[in-house]
Amino acid sequence: MAKKQAHCDPDDPADDHKGDWWDHVAYDPEHRLVLCVEPGARDAENVEAVVADVKRRTGGRLMGLMTSDEYPAYATAILDAYGEGGVTTPSGREVRRMIPEKVAPPGLTYATVEKRREKGRVVAIVTRVIFGTMAAVETALARSKASRWINTSFVERHNATDRHHNGRKVRRTYTFSKDWRVHESMTYFTMYQYNFCWPVRTLAEPDETGRLRKRTPAMAAGLSDHVWDMREWITMPAVQRR
């Protein structure tokens, strides 16, 4: 954003919020729904923010299966958000001072996908179960309507859709954002507009007459009963008065 990361000076305040800028996206593949997005640097702070937002938006309940790439900050953030208090010793031996730490609760299932590349090409895909058991992962996948494999394909496909909706994210063009505040605003706008205004082909279902009824992610998730148009989306008050 504004300039390439290689040209940014970390000691220059003017280069703050310039260079590489990531979308940390939480995505529900069952309903093709964007749960939340946190634009910013690829660091632990933004990872923690998006995981905490997922927990808040889903009422704190455990997901059937959570997946991500191999970036280790995700495991730390998930354990911090969903972990339960435990007591252990750093060496495993009995000592006077016990050190409290968080442990993964029963039912927390999280796996990662690592794509190994050579000369820019993916040559191997390695999956790992970080929290939970392989049996729990297999059970979650057996119940899934979206996939039978540990993967990050759905969020990657959504990222491609988002690049079509938001010209600021098109690769290798001059349309990249020059101002991080406008970039953030457009990111939130296009992500959530997608939820309510964009009918997804694979979500269509037959109505009572047998004709296919178009559905948005928000409709599939039970958040809306119709496809919103842009006027409805733009004019909807952000704060609802009761």
C-alpha atoms as a PDB file:
ATOM      1  CA  MET A   1       0.000   0.000   0.000  1.00  0.00           C
ATOM      2  CA  ALA A   2       1.307   3.458  -1.047  1.00  0.00           C
ATOM      3  CA  LYS A   3       4.736   1.938  -1.839  1.00  0.00           C
ATOM      4  CA  LYS A   4       6.442  -1.427  -1.992  1.00  0.00           C
ATOM      5  CA  GLN A   5       7.546  -2.972   1.295  1.00  0.00           C
ATOM      6  CA  ALA A   6      11.196  -3.053   0.140  1.00  0.00           C
ATOM      7  CA  HIS A   7      11.148   0.738  -0.236  1.00  0.00           C
ATOM      8  CA  CYS A   8       9.755   1.422   3.249  1.00  0.00           C
ATOM      9  CA  ASP A   9      12.004   2.701   6.022  1.00  0.00           C
ATOM     10  CA  PRO A  10      10.983   1.218   9.398  1.00  0.00           C
ATOM     11  CA  ASP A  11      12.585   4.192  11.155  1.00  0.00           C
ATOM     12  CA  ASP A  12      10.662   6.780   9.119  1.00  0.00           C
ATOM     13  CA  PRO A  13       7.272   7.718  10.671  1.00  0.00           C
ATOM     14  CA  ALA A  14       6.099   8.767   7.208  1.00  0.00           C
ATOM     15  CA  ASP A  15       6.299   5.121   6.091  1.00  0.00           C
ATOM     16  CA  ASP A  16       3.976   3.929   8.836  1.00  0.00           C
ATOM     17  CA  HIS A  17       0.940   2.141   7.343  1.00  0.00           C
ATOM     18  CA  LYS A  18       2.747   1.727   4.016  1.00  0.00           C
ATOM     19  CA  GLY A  19       4.078  -1.351   2.273  1.00  0.00           C
ATOM     20  CA  ASP A  20       2.547  -4.795   2.684  1.00  0.00           C
ATOM     21  CA  TRP A  21      -1.004  -4.746   4.111  1.00  0.00           C
ATOM     22  CA  TRP A  22      -2.882  -7.953   4.742  1.00  0.00           C
ATOM     23  CA  ASP A  23      -6.514  -8.938   5.122  1.00  0.00           C
ATOM     24  CA  HIS A  24      -6.915 -11.286   8.075  1.00  0.00           C
ATOM     25  CA  VAL A  25     -10.221 -12.915   7.081  1.00  0.00           C
ATOM     26  CA  ALA A  26     -12.356 -15.363   9.047  1.00  0.00           C
ATOM     27  CA  TYR A  27     -14.529 -17.270   6.596  1.00  0.00           C
ATOM     28  CA  ASP A  28     -17.388 -19.740   7.066  1.00  0.00           C
ATOM     29  CA  PRO A  29     -17.197 -22.185   4.116  1.00  0.00           C
ATOM     30  CA  GLU A  30     -20.559 -23.808   4.891  1.00  0.00           C
ATOM     31  CA  HIS A  31     -22.431 -20.571   4.154  1.00  0.00           C
ATOM     32  CA  ARG A  32     -19.677 -18.780   2.151  1.00  0.00           C
ATOM     33  CA  LEU A  33     -19.933 -16.043   4.781  1.00  0.00           C
ATOM     34  CA  VAL A  34     -17.249 -13.548   5.815  1.00  0.00           C
ATOM     35  CA  LEU A  35     -17.398 -13.609   9.612  1.00  0.00           C
ATOM     36  CA  CYS A  36     -14.966 -10.732  10.075  1.00  0.00           C
ATOM     37  CA  VAL A  37     -11.920  -9.072   8.558  1.00  0.00           C
ATOM     38  CA  GLU A  38      -8.977  -7.253  10.123  1.00  0.00           C
ATOM     39  CA  PRO A  39      -6.831  -5.264   7.644  1.00  0.00           C
ATOM     40  CA  GLY A  40      -3.267  -4.528   8.721  1.00  0.00           C
ATOM     41  CA  ALA A  41       0.276  -5.768   9.055  1.00  0.00           C
ATOM     42  CA  ARG A  42       0.816  -9.512   9.248  1.00  0.00           C
ATOM     43  CA  ASP A  43       1.561  -9.654  12.939  1.00  0.00           C
ATOM     44  CA  ALA A  44       0.327 -11.300  16.124  1.00  0.00           C
ATOM     45  CA  GLU A  45      -1.736  -8.279  17.161  1.00  0.00           C
ATOM     46  CA  ASN A  46      -3.984  -8.402  14.097  1.00  0.00           C
ATOM     47  CA  VAL A  47      -4.252 -12.185  14.268  1.00  0.00           C
ATOM     48  CA  GLU A  48      -5.395 -11.911  17.887  1.00  0.00           C
ATOM     49  CA  ALA A  49      -7.925  -9.251  16.865  1.00  0.00           C
ATOM     50  CA  VAL A  50      -9.550 -11.371  14.151  1.00  0.00           C
ATOM     51  CA  VAL A  51      -9.720 -14.495  16.342  1.00  0.00           C
ATOM     52  CA  ALA A  52     -11.234 -12.510  19.225  1.00  0.00           C
ATOM     53  CA  ASP A  53     -13.792 -11.019  16.826  1.00  0.00           C
ATOM     54  CA  VAL A  54     -14.777 -14.481  15.595  1.00  0.00           C
ATOM     55  CA  LYS A  55     -15.336 -15.612  19.175  1.00  0.00           C
ATOM     56  CA  ARG A  56     -17.453 -12.537  19.916  1.00  0.00           C
ATOM     57  CA  ARG A  57     -19.574 -12.839  16.767  1.00  0.00           C
ATOM     58  CA  THR A  58     -20.239 -16.546  17.305  1.00  0.00           C
ATOM     59  CA  GLY A  59     -21.144 -16.246  20.972  1.00  0.00           C
ATOM     60  CA  GLY A  60     -17.979 -17.946  22.187  1.00  0.00           C
ATOM     61  CA  ARG A  61     -18.975 -21.402  20.988  1.00  0.00           C
ATOM     62  CA  LEU A  62     -16.346 -23.743  19.582  1.00  0.00           C
ATOM     63  CA  MET A  63     -16.298 -24.236  15.828  1.00  0.00           C
ATOM     64  CA  GLY A  64     -16.472 -27.771  14.436  1.00  0.00           C
ATOM     65  CA  LEU A  65     -13.091 -27.274  12.753  1.00  0.00           C
ATOM     66  CA  MET A  66     -10.847 -24.252  12.377  1.00  0.00           C
ATOM     67  CA  THR A  67      -8.105 -24.130   9.740  1.00  0.00           C
ATOM     68  CA  SER A  68      -5.455 -21.641   8.666  1.00  0.00           C
ATOM     69  CA  ASP A  69      -2.066 -21.502   7.016  1.00  0.00           C
ATOM     70  CA  GLU A  70       0.994 -22.406   9.085  1.00  0.00           C
ATOM     71  CA  TYR A  71       1.568 -18.890  10.510  1.00  0.00           C
ATOM     72  CA  PRO A  72       2.202 -19.746  14.214  1.00  0.00           C
ATOM     73  CA  ALA A  73       0.457 -16.629  15.550  1.00  0.00           C
ATOM     74  CA  TYR A  74      -2.907 -18.267  14.803  1.00  0.00           C
ATOM     75  CA  ALA A  75      -2.342 -21.166  17.190  1.00  0.00           C
ATOM     76  CA  THR A  76      -1.308 -18.768  19.949  1.00  0.00           C
ATOM     77  CA  ALA A  77      -4.311 -16.499  19.339  1.00  0.00           C
ATOM     78  CA  ILE A  78      -6.791 -19.409  19.228  1.00  0.00           C
ATOM     79  CA  LEU A  79      -5.451 -20.862  22.469  1.00  0.00           C
ATOM     80  CA  ASP A  80      -5.558 -17.437  24.122  1.00  0.00           C
ATOM     81  CA  ALA A  81      -9.165 -16.843  22.999  1.00  0.00           C
ATOM     82  CA  TYR A  82     -10.641 -20.305  23.582  1.00  0.00           C
ATOM     83  CA  GLY A  83      -8.231 -21.920  26.048  1.00  0.00           C
ATOM     84  CA  GLU A  84      -9.152 -22.860  29.595  1.00  0.00           C
ATOM     85  CA  GLY A  85      -7.063 -22.196  32.678  1.00  0.00           C
ATOM     86  CA  GLY A  86      -4.755 -25.027  33.644  1.00  0.00           C
ATOM     87  CA  VAL A  87      -1.924 -25.597  36.099  1.00  0.00           C
ATOM     88  CA  THR A  88       1.408 -27.114  35.173  1.00  0.00           C
ATOM     89  CA  THR A  89       5.111 -26.943  35.889  1.00  0.00           C
ATOM     90  CA  PRO A  90       7.683 -25.954  33.297  1.00  0.00           C
ATOM     91  CA  SER A  91       9.789 -29.107  33.894  1.00  0.00           C
ATOM     92  CA  GLY A  92       7.014 -31.563  34.699  1.00  0.00           C
ATOM     93  CA  ARG A  93       8.359 -32.087  38.217  1.00  0.00           C
ATOM     94  CA  GLU A  94       6.692 -31.087  41.440  1.00  0.00           C
ATOM     95  CA  VAL A  95       7.738 -27.628  42.565  1.00  0.00           C
ATOM     96  CA  ARG A  96       6.390 -25.162  45.085  1.00  0.00           C
ATOM     97  CA  ARG A  97       5.366 -22.507  42.583  1.00  0.00           C
ATOM     98  CA  MET A  98       2.860 -23.636  40.004  1.00  0.00           C
ATOM     99  CA  ILE A  99       2.616 -21.693  36.763  1.00  0.00           C
ATOM    100  CA  PRO A 100      -0.929 -21.209  35.415  1.00  0.00           C
ATOM    101  CA  GLU A 101      -1.339 -21.506  31.659  1.00  0.00           C
ATOM    102  CA  LYS A 102      -4.126 -22.020  29.163  1.00  0.00           C
ATOM    103  CA  VAL A 103      -4.857 -25.431  27.714  1.00  0.00           C
ATOM    104  CA  ALA A 104      -7.016 -26.391  24.755  1.00  0.00           C
ATOM    105  CA  PRO A 105     -10.513 -27.370  25.931  1.00  0.00           C
ATOM    106  CA  PRO A 106     -12.176 -30.597  24.791  1.00  0.00           C
ATOM    107  CA  GLY A 107     -13.851 -29.928  21.463  1.00  0.00           C
ATOM    108  CA  LEU A 108     -11.330 -27.355  20.195  1.00  0.00           C
ATOM    109  CA  THR A 109     -10.197 -28.664  16.819  1.00  0.00           C
ATOM    110  CA  TYR A 110      -7.688 -26.713  14.754  1.00  0.00           C
ATOM    111  CA  ALA A 111      -5.497 -27.776  11.823  1.00  0.00           C
ATOM    112  CA  THR A 112      -3.027 -25.976   9.567  1.00  0.00           C
ATOM    113  CA  VAL A 113      -2.126 -26.192   5.896  1.00  0.00           C
ATOM    114  CA  GLU A 114       1.460 -25.630   4.766  1.00  0.00           C
ATOM    115  CA  LYS A 115       2.176 -25.152   1.064  1.00  0.00           C
ATOM    116  CA  ARG A 116       5.794 -25.920   0.238  1.00  0.00           C
ATOM    117  CA  ARG A 117       7.090 -24.132  -2.829  1.00  0.00           C
ATOM    118  CA  GLU A 118      10.048 -24.452  -5.133  1.00  0.00           C
ATOM    119  CA  LYS A 119      10.749 -21.776  -7.733  1.00  0.00           C
ATOM    120  CA  GLY A 120       7.357 -20.221  -7.044  1.00  0.00           C
ATOM    121  CA  ARG A 121       5.395 -23.454  -7.530  1.00  0.00           C
ATOM    122  CA  VAL A 122       3.602 -25.521  -4.907  1.00  0.00           C
ATOM    123  CA  VAL A 123       5.338 -28.906  -4.748  1.00  0.00           C
ATOM    124  CA  ALA A 124       3.753 -30.297  -1.576  1.00  0.00           C
ATOM    125  CA  ILE A 125       0.859 -29.617   0.796  1.00  0.00           C
ATOM    126  CA  VAL A 126       1.329 -30.652   4.429  1.00  0.00           C
ATOM    127  CA  THR A 127      -1.525 -30.632   6.951  1.00  0.00           C
ATOM    128  CA  ARG A 128      -1.117 -30.786  10.722  1.00  0.00           C
ATOM    129  CA  VAL A 129      -3.598 -31.121  13.571  1.00  0.00           C
ATOM    130  CA  ILE A 130      -2.606 -28.547  16.201  1.00  0.00           C
ATOM    131  CA  PHE A 131      -5.485 -28.836  18.696  1.00  0.00           C
ATOM    132  CA  GLY A 132      -7.749 -31.845  19.034  1.00  0.00           C
ATOM    133  CA  THR A 133      -7.270 -35.265  17.486  1.00  0.00           C
ATOM    134  CA  MET A 134      -7.256 -36.614  13.954  1.00  0.00           C
ATOM    135  CA  ALA A 135     -10.424 -38.523  14.825  1.00  0.00           C
ATOM    136  CA  ALA A 136     -12.140 -35.261  15.794  1.00  0.00           C
ATOM    137  CA  VAL A 137     -10.987 -33.657  12.542  1.00  0.00           C
ATOM    138  CA  GLU A 138     -12.309 -36.594  10.508  1.00  0.00           C
ATOM    139  CA  THR A 139     -15.650 -36.412  12.322  1.00  0.00           C
ATOM    140  CA  ALA A 140     -15.943 -32.676  11.586  1.00  0.00           C
ATOM    141  CA  LEU A 141     -15.095 -33.225   7.919  1.00  0.00           C
ATOM    142  CA  ALA A 142     -17.603 -36.068   7.645  1.00  0.00           C
ATOM    143  CA  ARG A 143     -20.322 -33.692   8.876  1.00  0.00           C
ATOM    144  CA  SER A 144     -19.219 -30.849   6.619  1.00  0.00           C
ATOM    145  CA  LYS A 145     -21.260 -29.905   3.571  1.00  0.00           C
ATOM    146  CA  ALA A 146     -18.317 -27.981   2.126  1.00  0.00           C
ATOM    147  CA  SER A 147     -15.306 -30.309   2.055  1.00  0.00           C
ATOM    148  CA  ARG A 148     -13.852 -33.647   3.097  1.00  0.00           C
ATOM    149  CA  TRP A 149     -10.284 -32.359   3.341  1.00  0.00           C
ATOM    150  CA  ILE A 150      -8.254 -30.081   5.591  1.00  0.00           C
ATOM    151  CA  ASN A 151      -7.727 -27.019   3.417  1.00  0.00           C
ATOM    152  CA  THR A 152      -7.779 -23.241   3.133  1.00  0.00           C
ATOM    153  CA  SER A 153      -9.203 -23.287  -0.406  1.00  0.00           C
ATOM    154  CA  PHE A 154     -12.456 -21.520   0.413  1.00  0.00           C
ATOM    155  CA  VAL A 155     -10.904 -18.415   1.926  1.00  0.00           C
ATOM    156  CA  GLU A 156      -8.337 -18.355  -0.895  1.00  0.00           C
ATOM    157  CA  ARG A 157     -11.147 -18.480  -3.445  1.00  0.00           C
ATOM    158  CA  HIS A 158     -12.946 -15.713  -1.599  1.00  0.00           C
ATOM    159  CA  ASN A 159      -9.769 -13.596  -1.717  1.00  0.00           C
ATOM    160  CA  ALA A 160      -9.875 -13.884  -5.512  1.00  0.00           C
ATOM    161  CA  THR A 161     -13.533 -12.788  -5.502  1.00  0.00           C
ATOM    162  CA  ASP A 162     -12.662  -9.840  -3.285  1.00  0.00           C
ATOM    163  CA  ARG A 163      -9.952  -8.723  -5.715  1.00  0.00           C
ATOM    164  CA  HIS A 164     -12.640  -8.567  -8.411  1.00  0.00           C
ATOM    165  CA  HIS A 165     -14.867  -6.460  -6.147  1.00  0.00           C
ATOM    166  CA  ASN A 166     -12.107  -4.161  -4.901  1.00  0.00           C
ATOM    167  CA  GLY A 167      -9.777  -2.763  -7.562  1.00  0.00           C
ATOM    168  CA  ARG A 168      -7.325  -1.641  -4.880  1.00  0.00           C
ATOM    169  CA  LYS A 169      -6.297  -5.274  -4.391  1.00  0.00           C
ATOM    170  CA  VAL A 170      -5.752  -6.218  -8.024  1.00  0.00           C
ATOM    171  CA  ARG A 171      -2.225  -7.555  -8.393  1.00  0.00           C
ATOM    172  CA  ARG A 172       0.536  -5.632 -10.210  1.00  0.00           C
ATOM    173  CA  THR A 173      -1.439  -2.540 -11.167  1.00  0.00           C
ATOM    174  CA  TYR A 174      -1.409   1.153 -10.261  1.00  0.00           C
ATOM    175  CA  THR A 175      -4.835   0.891  -8.599  1.00  0.00           C
ATOM    176  CA  PHE A 176      -3.289  -0.023  -5.231  1.00  0.00           C
ATOM    177  CA  SER A 177      -4.342   2.093  -2.255  1.00  0.00           C
ATOM    178  CA  LYS A 178      -2.428   5.270  -1.465  1.00  0.00           C
ATOM    179  CA  ASP A 179      -4.154   5.952   1.877  1.00  0.00           C
ATOM    180  CA  TRP A 180      -4.535   3.237   4.534  1.00  0.00           C
ATOM    181  CA  ARG A 181      -7.698   4.751   6.042  1.00  0.00           C
ATOM    182  CA  VAL A 182      -9.522   4.672   2.707  1.00  0.00           C
ATOM    183  CA  HIS A 183      -8.132   1.186   2.092  1.00  0.00           C
ATOM    184  CA  GLU A 184      -9.572  -0.075   5.374  1.00  0.00           C
ATOM    185  CA  SER A 185     -12.943   1.539   4.691  1.00  0.00           C
ATOM    186  CA  MET A 186     -13.165  -0.017   1.230  1.00  0.00           C
ATOM    187  CA  THR A 187     -12.096  -3.402   2.601  1.00  0.00           C
ATOM    188  CA  TYR A 188     -14.904  -3.424   5.160  1.00  0.00           C
ATOM    189  CA  PHE A 189     -17.387  -2.139   2.585  1.00  0.00           C
ATOM    190  CA  THR A 190     -16.664  -4.742  -0.097  1.00  0.00           C
ATOM    191  CA  MET A 191     -16.342  -7.649   2.347  1.00  0.00           C
ATOM    192  CA  TYR A 192     -19.701  -7.103   4.008  1.00  0.00           C
ATOM    193  CA  GLN A 193     -21.399  -6.012   0.793  1.00  0.00           C
ATOM    194  CA  TYR A 194     -20.427  -9.448  -0.487  1.00  0.00           C
ATOM    195  CA  ASN A 195     -22.300 -11.063   2.429  1.00  0.00           C
ATOM    196  CA  PHE A 196     -25.623  -9.357   1.714  1.00  0.00           C
ATOM    197  CA  CYS A 197     -25.616  -8.273  -1.944  1.00  0.00           C
ATOM    198  CA  TRP A 198     -23.726 -10.977  -3.849  1.00  0.00           C
ATOM    199  CA  PRO A 199     -25.677 -14.151  -4.734  1.00  0.00           C
ATOM    200  CA  VAL A 200     -23.268 -17.081  -4.723  1.00  0.00           C
ATOM    201  CA  ARG A 201     -23.964 -19.624  -7.461  1.00  0.00           C
ATOM    202  CA  THR A 202     -23.280 -22.668  -5.280  1.00  0.00           C
ATOM    203  CA  LEU A 203     -25.745 -21.451  -2.628  1.00  0.00           C
ATOM    204  CA  ALA A 204     -28.775 -21.429  -4.957  1.00  0.00           C
ATOM    205  CA  GLU A 205     -31.574 -23.769  -3.899  1.00  0.00           C
ATOM    206  CA  PRO A 206     -34.914 -24.744  -5.478  1.00  0.00           C
ATOM    207  CA  ASP A 207     -38.028 -22.907  -4.296  1.00  0.00           C
ATOM    208  CA  GLU A 208     -41.556 -24.316  -3.972  1.00  0.00           C
ATOM    209  CA  THR A 209     -41.997 -24.159  -7.771  1.00  0.00           C
ATOM    210  CA  GLY A 210     -38.780 -26.007  -8.455  1.00  0.00           C
ATOM    211  CA  ARG A 211     -36.971 -22.943  -9.814  1.00  0.00           C
ATOM    212  CA  LEU A 212     -33.559 -22.098  -8.420  1.00  0.00           C
ATOM    213  CA  ARG A 213     -33.653 -19.296  -5.884  1.00  0.00           C
ATOM    214  CA  LYS A 214     -30.546 -17.135  -5.685  1.00  0.00           C
ATOM    215  CA  ARG A 215     -29.061 -16.777  -2.211  1.00  0.00           C
ATOM    216  CA  THR A 216     -26.376 -14.629  -0.650  1.00  0.00           C
ATOM    217  CA  PRO A 217     -24.110 -15.834   2.164  1.00  0.00           C
ATOM    218  CA  ALA A 218     -26.222 -13.830   4.625  1.00  0.00           C
ATOM    219  CA  MET A 219     -29.355 -15.644   3.437  1.00  0.00           C
ATOM    220  CA  ALA A 220     -27.660 -19.052   3.730  1.00  0.00           C
ATOM    221  CA  ALA A 221     -26.621 -18.202   7.290  1.00  0.00           C
ATOM    222  CA  GLY A 222     -30.120 -17.024   8.239  1.00  0.00           C
ATOM    223  CA  LEU A 223     -29.112 -13.353   8.587  1.00  0.00           C
ATOM    224  CA  SER A 224     -31.316 -12.104   5.743  1.00  0.00           C
ATOM    225  CA  ASP A 225     -34.366 -13.249   3.804  1.00  0.00           C
ATOM    226  CA  HIS A 226     -33.592 -11.555   0.470  1.00  0.00           C
ATOM    227  CA  VAL A 227     -30.812 -10.292  -1.777  1.00  0.00           C
ATOM    228  CA  TRP A 228     -30.031  -6.713  -0.836  1.00  0.00           C
ATOM    229  CA  ASP A 229     -29.440  -4.102  -3.523  1.00  0.00           C
ATOM    230  CA  MET A 230     -26.673  -1.532  -3.164  1.00  0.00           C
ATOM    231  CA  ARG A 231     -29.055   1.278  -2.207  1.00  0.00           C
ATOM    232  CA  GLU A 232     -30.440  -0.764   0.675  1.00  0.00           C
ATOM    233  CA  TRP A 233     -26.917  -1.673   1.786  1.00  0.00           C
ATOM    234  CA  ILE A 234     -25.530   1.878   1.621  1.00  0.00           C
ATOM    235  CA  THR A 235     -28.494   3.529   3.342  1.00  0.00           C
ATOM    236  CA  MET A 236     -28.842   1.000   6.173  1.00  0.00           C
ATOM    237  CA  PRO A 237     -27.990   2.847   9.430  1.00  0.00           C
ATOM    238  CA  ALA A 238     -24.892   1.461  11.104  1.00  0.00           C
ATOM    239  CA  VAL A 239     -26.508   1.947  14.525  1.00  0.00           C
ATOM    240  CA  GLN A 240     -30.073   0.709  14.913  1.00  0.00           C
ATOM    241  CA  ARG A 241     -32.354   2.630  17.279  1.00  0.00           C
ATOM    242  CA  ARG A 242     -34.978   0.707  19.191  1.00  0.00           C
END
